Amino acid sequence: MENMVDVYLFGKKYSVPDNLTIMRAMEYAGYQLVRGCGCRNGFCGACA
């Protein structure tokens, strides 16, 4: 069984597994994230 944590995205509360990154937690909650090919590898700079 996974440990769950509560996160708030745009004012709404979601329970997500505690081992996810913020990006993965957003996807787990149902958000679709569309970025360039560098995203997910830590070098596109969009989130910095």
PDB file of N, CA and C in Angstrom:
ATOM      1  N   MET A   1       0.840  -1.191   0.000  1.00  0.00           N
ATOM      2  CA  MET A   1       0.000   0.000   0.000  1.00  0.00           C
ATOM      3  C   MET A   1       0.881   1.249   0.000  1.00  0.00           C
ATOM      4  N   GLU A   2       0.552   2.197  -0.866  1.00  0.00           N
ATOM      5  CA  GLU A   2       1.327   3.428  -0.964  1.00  0.00           C
ATOM      6  C   GLU A   2       0.914   4.416   0.126  1.00  0.00           C
ATOM      7  N   ASN A   3       1.882   5.177   0.592  1.00  0.00           N
ATOM      8  CA  ASN A   3       1.583   6.285   1.502  1.00  0.00           C
ATOM      9  C   ASN A   3       1.105   7.455   0.657  1.00  0.00           C
ATOM     10  N   MET A   4       0.008   8.042   1.055  1.00  0.00           N
ATOM     11  CA  MET A   4      -0.571   9.143   0.303  1.00  0.00           C
ATOM     12  C   MET A   4      -0.373  10.454   1.059  1.00  0.00           C
ATOM     13  N   VAL A   5      -0.233  11.531   0.309  1.00  0.00           N
ATOM     14  CA  VAL A   5      -0.144  12.873   0.875  1.00  0.00           C
ATOM     15  C   VAL A   5      -1.174  13.744   0.165  1.00  0.00           C
ATOM     16  N   ASP A   6      -1.590  14.786   0.836  1.00  0.00           N
ATOM     17  CA  ASP A   6      -2.525  15.730   0.230  1.00  0.00           C
ATOM     18  C   ASP A   6      -1.739  16.856  -0.419  1.00  0.00           C
ATOM     19  N   VAL A   7      -2.113  17.195  -1.644  1.00  0.00           N
ATOM     20  CA  VAL A   7      -1.547  18.351  -2.338  1.00  0.00           C
ATOM     21  C   VAL A   7      -2.713  19.217  -2.798  1.00  0.00           C
ATOM     22  N   TYR A   8      -2.454  20.498  -2.908  1.00  0.00           N
ATOM     23  CA  TYR A   8      -3.470  21.430  -3.369  1.00  0.00           C
ATOM     24  C   TYR A   8      -3.009  22.008  -4.698  1.00  0.00           C
ATOM     25  N   LEU A   9      -3.816  21.791  -5.722  1.00  0.00           N
ATOM     26  CA  LEU A   9      -3.518  22.289  -7.059  1.00  0.00           C
ATOM     27  C   LEU A   9      -4.642  23.230  -7.474  1.00  0.00           C
ATOM     28  N   PHE A  10      -4.301  24.478  -7.676  1.00  0.00           N
ATOM     29  CA  PHE A  10      -5.274  25.487  -8.091  1.00  0.00           C
ATOM     30  C   PHE A  10      -6.474  25.521  -7.146  1.00  0.00           C
ATOM     31  N   GLY A  11      -6.180  25.392  -5.833  1.00  0.00           N
ATOM     32  CA  GLY A  11      -7.206  25.489  -4.812  1.00  0.00           C
ATOM     33  C   GLY A  11      -8.008  24.226  -4.550  1.00  0.00           C
ATOM     34  N   LYS A  12      -7.691  23.143  -5.246  1.00  0.00           N
ATOM     35  CA  LYS A  12      -8.408  21.886  -5.055  1.00  0.00           C
ATOM     36  C   LYS A  12      -7.486  20.855  -4.417  1.00  0.00           C
ATOM     37  N   LYS A  13      -8.017  20.084  -3.474  1.00  0.00           N
ATOM     38  CA  LYS A  13      -7.223  19.100  -2.733  1.00  0.00           C
ATOM     39  C   LYS A  13      -7.237  17.745  -3.443  1.00  0.00           C
ATOM     40  N   TYR A  14      -6.041  17.136  -3.557  1.00  0.00           N
ATOM     41  CA  TYR A  14      -5.889  15.808  -4.149  1.00  0.00           C
ATOM     42  C   TYR A  14      -5.019  14.958  -3.234  1.00  0.00           C
ATOM     43  N   SER A  15      -5.286  13.664  -3.172  1.00  0.00           N
ATOM     44  CA  SER A  15      -4.423  12.720  -2.463  1.00  0.00           C
ATOM     45  C   SER A  15      -3.592  11.993  -3.504  1.00  0.00           C
ATOM     46  N   VAL A  16      -2.275  12.063  -3.351  1.00  0.00           N
ATOM     47  CA  VAL A  16      -1.357  11.450  -4.314  1.00  0.00           C
ATOM     48  C   VAL A  16      -0.303  10.644  -3.559  1.00  0.00           C
ATOM     49  N   PRO A  17       0.321   9.657  -4.219  1.00  0.00           N
ATOM     50  CA  PRO A  17       1.398   8.910  -3.566  1.00  0.00           C
ATOM     51  C   PRO A  17       2.537   9.840  -3.160  1.00  0.00           C
ATOM     52  N   ASP A  18       3.145   9.569  -2.011  1.00  0.00           N
ATOM     53  CA  ASP A  18       4.166  10.471  -1.465  1.00  0.00           C
ATOM     54  C   ASP A  18       5.501  10.433  -2.193  1.00  0.00           C
ATOM     55  N   ASN A  19       5.679   9.545  -3.142  1.00  0.00           N
ATOM     56  CA  ASN A  19       6.963   9.440  -3.837  1.00  0.00           C
ATOM     57  C   ASN A  19       6.964  10.133  -5.200  1.00  0.00           C
ATOM     58  N   LEU A  20       5.920  10.887  -5.521  1.00  0.00           N
ATOM     59  CA  LEU A  20       5.836  11.533  -6.826  1.00  0.00           C
ATOM     60  C   LEU A  20       6.454  12.926  -6.816  1.00  0.00           C
ATOM     61  N   THR A  21       6.992  13.330  -7.972  1.00  0.00           N
ATOM     62  CA  THR A  21       7.410  14.717  -8.154  1.00  0.00           C
ATOM     63  C   THR A  21       6.151  15.571  -8.300  1.00  0.00           C
ATOM     64  N   ILE A  22       6.310  16.877  -8.259  1.00  0.00           N
ATOM     65  CA  ILE A  22       5.160  17.766  -8.439  1.00  0.00           C
ATOM     66  C   ILE A  22       4.524  17.535  -9.806  1.00  0.00           C
ATOM     67  N   MET A  23       5.340  17.392 -10.827  1.00  0.00           N
ATOM     68  CA  MET A  23       4.818  17.164 -12.172  1.00  0.00           C
ATOM     69  C   MET A  23       4.021  15.863 -12.243  1.00  0.00           C
ATOM     70  N   ARG A  24       4.563  14.815 -11.687  1.00  0.00           N
ATOM     71  CA  ARG A  24       3.871  13.517 -11.701  1.00  0.00           C
ATOM     72  C   ARG A  24       2.607  13.561 -10.831  1.00  0.00           C
ATOM     73  N   ALA A  25       2.657  14.299  -9.731  1.00  0.00           N
ATOM     74  CA  ALA A  25       1.477  14.430  -8.876  1.00  0.00           C
ATOM     75  C   ALA A  25       0.348  15.136  -9.625  1.00  0.00           C
ATOM     76  N   MET A  26       0.692  16.142 -10.411  1.00  0.00           N
ATOM     77  CA  MET A  26      -0.316  16.836 -11.205  1.00  0.00           C
ATOM     78  C   MET A  26      -0.935  15.894 -12.228  1.00  0.00           C
ATOM     79  N   GLU A  27      -0.113  15.085 -12.869  1.00  0.00           N
ATOM     80  CA  GLU A  27      -0.634  14.116 -13.833  1.00  0.00           C
ATOM     81  C   GLU A  27      -1.500  13.066 -13.136  1.00  0.00           C
ATOM     82  N   TYR A  28      -1.065  12.623 -11.973  1.00  0.00           N
ATOM     83  CA  TYR A  28      -1.835  11.656 -11.191  1.00  0.00           C
ATOM     84  C   TYR A  28      -3.218  12.223 -10.866  1.00  0.00           C
ATOM     85  N   ALA A  29      -3.275  13.522 -10.605  1.00  0.00           N
ATOM     86  CA  ALA A  29      -4.532  14.189 -10.275  1.00  0.00           C
ATOM     87  C   ALA A  29      -5.393  14.443 -11.508  1.00  0.00           C
ATOM     88  N   GLY A  30      -4.861  14.164 -12.696  1.00  0.00           N
ATOM     89  CA  GLY A  30      -5.653  14.299 -13.910  1.00  0.00           C
ATOM     90  C   GLY A  30      -5.295  15.454 -14.818  1.00  0.00           C
ATOM     91  N   TYR A  31      -4.278  16.231 -14.450  1.00  0.00           N
ATOM     92  CA  TYR A  31      -3.861  17.343 -15.297  1.00  0.00           C
ATOM     93  C   TYR A  31      -2.979  16.839 -16.434  1.00  0.00           C
ATOM     94  N   GLN A  32      -3.155  17.411 -17.623  1.00  0.00           N
ATOM     95  CA  GLN A  32      -2.291  17.097 -18.753  1.00  0.00           C
ATOM     96  C   GLN A  32      -1.284  18.219 -18.899  1.00  0.00           C
ATOM     97  N   LEU A  33      -0.010  17.872 -18.882  1.00  0.00           N
ATOM     98  CA  LEU A  33       1.051  18.861 -19.008  1.00  0.00           C
ATOM     99  C   LEU A  33       1.706  18.710 -20.371  1.00  0.00           C
ATOM    100  N   VAL A  34       1.771  19.801 -21.106  1.00  0.00           N
ATOM    101  CA  VAL A  34       2.356  19.763 -22.443  1.00  0.00           C
ATOM    102  C   VAL A  34       3.527  20.734 -22.469  1.00  0.00           C
ATOM    103  N   ARG A  35       4.696  20.218 -22.707  1.00  0.00           N
ATOM    104  CA  ARG A  35       5.914  21.025 -22.782  1.00  0.00           C
ATOM    105  C   ARG A  35       6.798  20.487 -23.891  1.00  0.00           C
ATOM    106  N   GLY A  36       7.931  21.133 -24.098  1.00  0.00           N
ATOM    107  CA  GLY A  36       8.879  20.713 -25.118  1.00  0.00           C
ATOM    108  C   GLY A  36       9.602  19.429 -24.758  1.00  0.00           C
ATOM    109  N   CYS A  37      10.452  18.984 -25.665  1.00  0.00           N
ATOM    110  CA  CYS A  37      11.121  17.690 -25.496  1.00  0.00           C
ATOM    111  C   CYS A  37      12.104  17.671 -24.330  1.00  0.00           C
ATOM    112  N   GLY A  38      12.573  18.819 -23.859  1.00  0.00           N
ATOM    113  CA  GLY A  38      13.527  18.844 -22.748  1.00  0.00           C
ATOM    114  C   GLY A  38      12.891  18.615 -21.390  1.00  0.00           C
ATOM    115  N   CYS A  39      11.611  18.851 -21.327  1.00  0.00           N
ATOM    116  CA  CYS A  39      10.903  18.655 -20.067  1.00  0.00           C
ATOM    117  C   CYS A  39      10.983  17.183 -19.658  1.00  0.00           C
ATOM    118  N   ARG A  40      10.945  16.935 -18.375  1.00  0.00           N
ATOM    119  CA  ARG A  40      11.069  15.608 -17.766  1.00  0.00           C
ATOM    120  C   ARG A  40      12.519  15.158 -17.646  1.00  0.00           C
ATOM    121  N   ASN A  41      13.428  15.906 -18.232  1.00  0.00           N
ATOM    122  CA  ASN A  41      14.841  15.556 -18.127  1.00  0.00           C
ATOM    123  C   ASN A  41      15.614  16.585 -17.316  1.00  0.00           C
ATOM    124  N   GLY A  42      14.945  17.625 -16.862  1.00  0.00           N
ATOM    125  CA  GLY A  42      15.573  18.608 -15.998  1.00  0.00           C
ATOM    126  C   GLY A  42      16.416  19.659 -16.692  1.00  0.00           C
ATOM    127  N   PHE A  43      16.275  19.819 -17.991  1.00  0.00           N
ATOM    128  CA  PHE A  43      17.106  20.830 -18.638  1.00  0.00           C
ATOM    129  C   PHE A  43      16.356  21.795 -19.551  1.00  0.00           C
ATOM    130  N   CYS A  44      15.044  21.760 -19.578  1.00  0.00           N
ATOM    131  CA  CYS A  44      14.343  22.713 -20.446  1.00  0.00           C
ATOM    132  C   CYS A  44      14.266  24.099 -19.806  1.00  0.00           C
ATOM    133  N   GLY A  45      14.242  24.157 -18.464  1.00  0.00           N
ATOM    134  CA  GLY A  45      14.227  25.427 -17.760  1.00  0.00           C
ATOM    135  C   GLY A  45      12.858  26.059 -17.590  1.00  0.00           C
ATOM    136  N   ALA A  46      11.808  25.459 -18.113  1.00  0.00           N
ATOM    137  CA  ALA A  46      10.471  26.042 -18.034  1.00  0.00           C
ATOM    138  C   ALA A  46       9.963  26.162 -16.605  1.00  0.00           C
ATOM    139  N   CYS A  47      10.377  25.264 -15.739  1.00  0.00           N
ATOM    140  CA  CYS A  47       9.869  25.285 -14.363  1.00  0.00           C
ATOM    141  C   CYS A  47      10.828  25.976 -13.400  1.00  0.00           C
ATOM    142  N   ALA A  48      11.925  26.474 -13.890  1.00  0.00           N
ATOM    143  CA  ALA A  48      12.932  27.091 -13.018  1.00  0.00           C
ATOM    144  C   ALA A  48      12.703  28.589 -12.892  1.00  0.00           C
TER     145      ALA A  48
END
